[in-house]
Amino acid sequence: MNPTWNASGFFRLDTSFLEVTFVATLKPLSMHKFVVSRTKSVAQEQTKVFCLRCPKSQPSSSPILLSPKPEGAIQLENSEMVLSFDEVTHLLSSVQHKRSGRTEEVKLEFAAYPTAQFR
């Protein structure tokens, strides 16, 4: 599940809508029906999202917990990988695969055309 962005007027994190992504392996030219339904869970944990300009308040029922970005570099971790983000640029800098212990360095560069959004 991912939070979504609302671009009406200016970009902001919209915690009232979530994007759900899943992987399905399908045979060529096949059709399958997937049904997404709401279930009652025993304990629901909030996903922590770091932001540079957090809103003053957010609904307590939101599955997203907005927190100011901590000082220093950030690492996101799950059972498979550790993602490290650069302290200055805030871009992904390395990916560590826990099972193999292999670390891949990442170098990202972005460019943009001069539009109203980037002025």
Protein backbone atom coordinates (compact mmCIF):
# COMPACT_ATOMS: atom_id res chain seq x y z
CA MET A 1 0.00 0.00 0.00
CA ASN A 2 1.27 3.46 -0.90
CA PRO A 3 0.01 6.93 -0.08
CA THR A 4 -1.07 9.03 -3.06
CA TRP A 5 -0.33 12.59 -4.14
CA ASN A 6 -3.01 15.22 -4.69
CA ALA A 7 -1.99 17.76 -7.34
CA SER A 8 -4.97 20.12 -7.13
CA GLY A 9 -3.24 23.51 -6.90
CA PHE A 10 -0.05 22.15 -5.31
CA PHE A 11 1.41 18.73 -4.59
CA ARG A 12 0.55 17.28 -1.19
CA LEU A 13 0.33 13.84 0.33
CA ASP A 14 -3.27 12.63 0.35
CA THR A 15 -3.78 10.18 3.22
CA SER A 16 -7.46 9.58 2.42
CA PHE A 17 -6.61 7.44 -0.64
CA LEU A 18 -4.12 4.60 -0.89
CA GLU A 19 -2.67 2.87 -3.92
CA VAL A 20 -2.66 -0.93 -3.61
CA THR A 21 -0.06 -2.82 -5.66
CA PHE A 22 0.41 -6.55 -5.91
CA VAL A 23 2.29 -9.00 -8.12
CA ALA A 24 0.49 -11.80 -9.97
CA THR A 25 2.08 -14.36 -12.27
CA LEU A 26 -0.25 -15.05 -15.20
CA LYS A 27 -0.04 -17.43 -18.12
CA PRO A 28 0.17 -15.73 -21.56
CA LEU A 29 -3.21 -14.61 -22.93
CA SER A 30 -4.98 -15.66 -19.75
CA MET A 31 -7.61 -13.80 -17.78
CA HIS A 32 -8.01 -13.74 -14.02
CA LYS A 33 -10.32 -11.88 -11.72
CA PHE A 34 -8.97 -10.40 -8.50
CA VAL A 35 -11.25 -9.13 -5.77
CA VAL A 36 -10.11 -6.62 -3.18
CA SER A 37 -12.21 -6.54 -0.06
CA ARG A 38 -12.00 -4.87 3.32
CA THR A 39 -11.42 -7.15 6.27
CA LYS A 40 -11.39 -6.55 9.97
CA SER A 41 -7.89 -6.91 11.31
CA VAL A 42 -7.03 -7.56 14.92
CA ALA A 43 -4.27 -4.93 15.08
CA GLN A 44 -3.64 -2.32 12.41
CA GLU A 45 -0.24 -0.69 12.36
CA GLN A 46 0.24 2.73 10.84
CA THR A 47 2.82 3.14 8.10
CA LYS A 48 5.30 5.89 8.98
CA VAL A 49 5.94 8.40 6.17
CA PHE A 50 8.68 11.00 6.62
CA CYS A 51 7.98 14.46 5.23
CA LEU A 52 9.86 17.75 4.97
CA ARG A 53 6.75 19.92 5.42
CA CYS A 54 4.27 17.87 7.44
CA PRO A 55 0.70 19.14 7.83
CA LYS A 56 -0.32 20.58 11.19
CA SER A 57 -2.75 17.71 11.88
CA GLN A 58 -4.00 14.48 10.37
CA PRO A 59 -6.95 12.17 11.08
CA SER A 60 -6.22 9.63 13.82
CA SER A 61 -7.97 6.96 11.72
CA SER A 62 -5.46 7.38 8.88
CA PRO A 63 -3.33 4.30 8.08
CA ILE A 64 -0.44 6.74 7.45
CA LEU A 65 1.52 8.35 10.29
CA LEU A 66 3.29 11.50 9.08
CA SER A 67 6.53 12.33 10.87
CA PRO A 68 9.18 14.99 10.29
CA LYS A 69 12.28 13.68 8.53
CA PRO A 70 14.89 12.74 11.12
CA GLU A 71 18.34 14.31 11.02
CA GLY A 72 21.00 12.41 9.10
CA ALA A 73 20.66 9.65 6.56
CA ILE A 74 17.53 7.48 6.44
CA GLN A 75 17.39 3.71 6.11
CA LEU A 76 14.24 1.78 5.26
CA GLU A 77 14.33 -1.90 6.05
CA ASN A 78 12.22 -5.03 5.66
CA SER A 79 12.97 -8.76 5.84
CA GLU A 80 14.63 -8.74 2.39
CA MET A 81 16.46 -5.41 1.94
CA VAL A 82 17.91 -2.28 3.50
CA LEU A 83 17.51 0.92 1.45
CA SER A 84 19.81 3.83 2.33
CA PHE A 85 19.08 7.43 1.34
CA ASP A 86 21.66 10.21 1.05
CA GLU A 87 21.64 12.73 3.90
CA VAL A 88 22.00 15.77 1.60
CA THR A 89 20.13 14.88 -1.61
CA HIS A 90 17.54 12.55 0.01
CA LEU A 91 17.94 10.22 -3.01
CA LEU A 92 18.38 6.46 -2.84
CA SER A 93 22.12 5.77 -2.41
CA SER A 94 22.42 2.01 -1.80
CA VAL A 95 20.44 -1.22 -1.67
CA GLN A 96 21.61 -4.06 0.55
CA HIS A 97 20.25 -7.58 -0.04
CA LYS A 98 20.08 -9.19 3.40
CA ARG A 99 20.20 -12.84 2.31
CA SER A 100 23.32 -12.50 0.18
CA GLY A 101 24.87 -9.60 2.11
CA ARG A 102 25.54 -7.89 -1.26
CA THR A 103 25.28 -4.10 -1.38
CA GLU A 104 24.54 -2.25 -4.63
CA GLU A 105 25.51 1.41 -4.84
CA VAL A 106 22.89 3.58 -6.60
CA LYS A 107 23.57 6.85 -8.40
CA LEU A 108 20.47 8.80 -9.39
CA GLU A 109 20.38 11.97 -11.45
CA PHE A 110 17.31 13.97 -12.41
CA ALA A 111 16.75 16.57 -15.09
CA ALA A 112 13.67 18.57 -16.01
CA TYR A 113 12.45 20.86 -18.71
CA PRO A 114 11.85 24.44 -17.52
CA THR A 115 8.08 24.42 -16.90
CA ALA A 116 5.97 26.33 -14.42
CA GLN A 117 6.31 23.43 -11.97
CA PHE A 118 10.13 23.71 -11.87
CA ARG A 119 10.55 27.50 -11.84
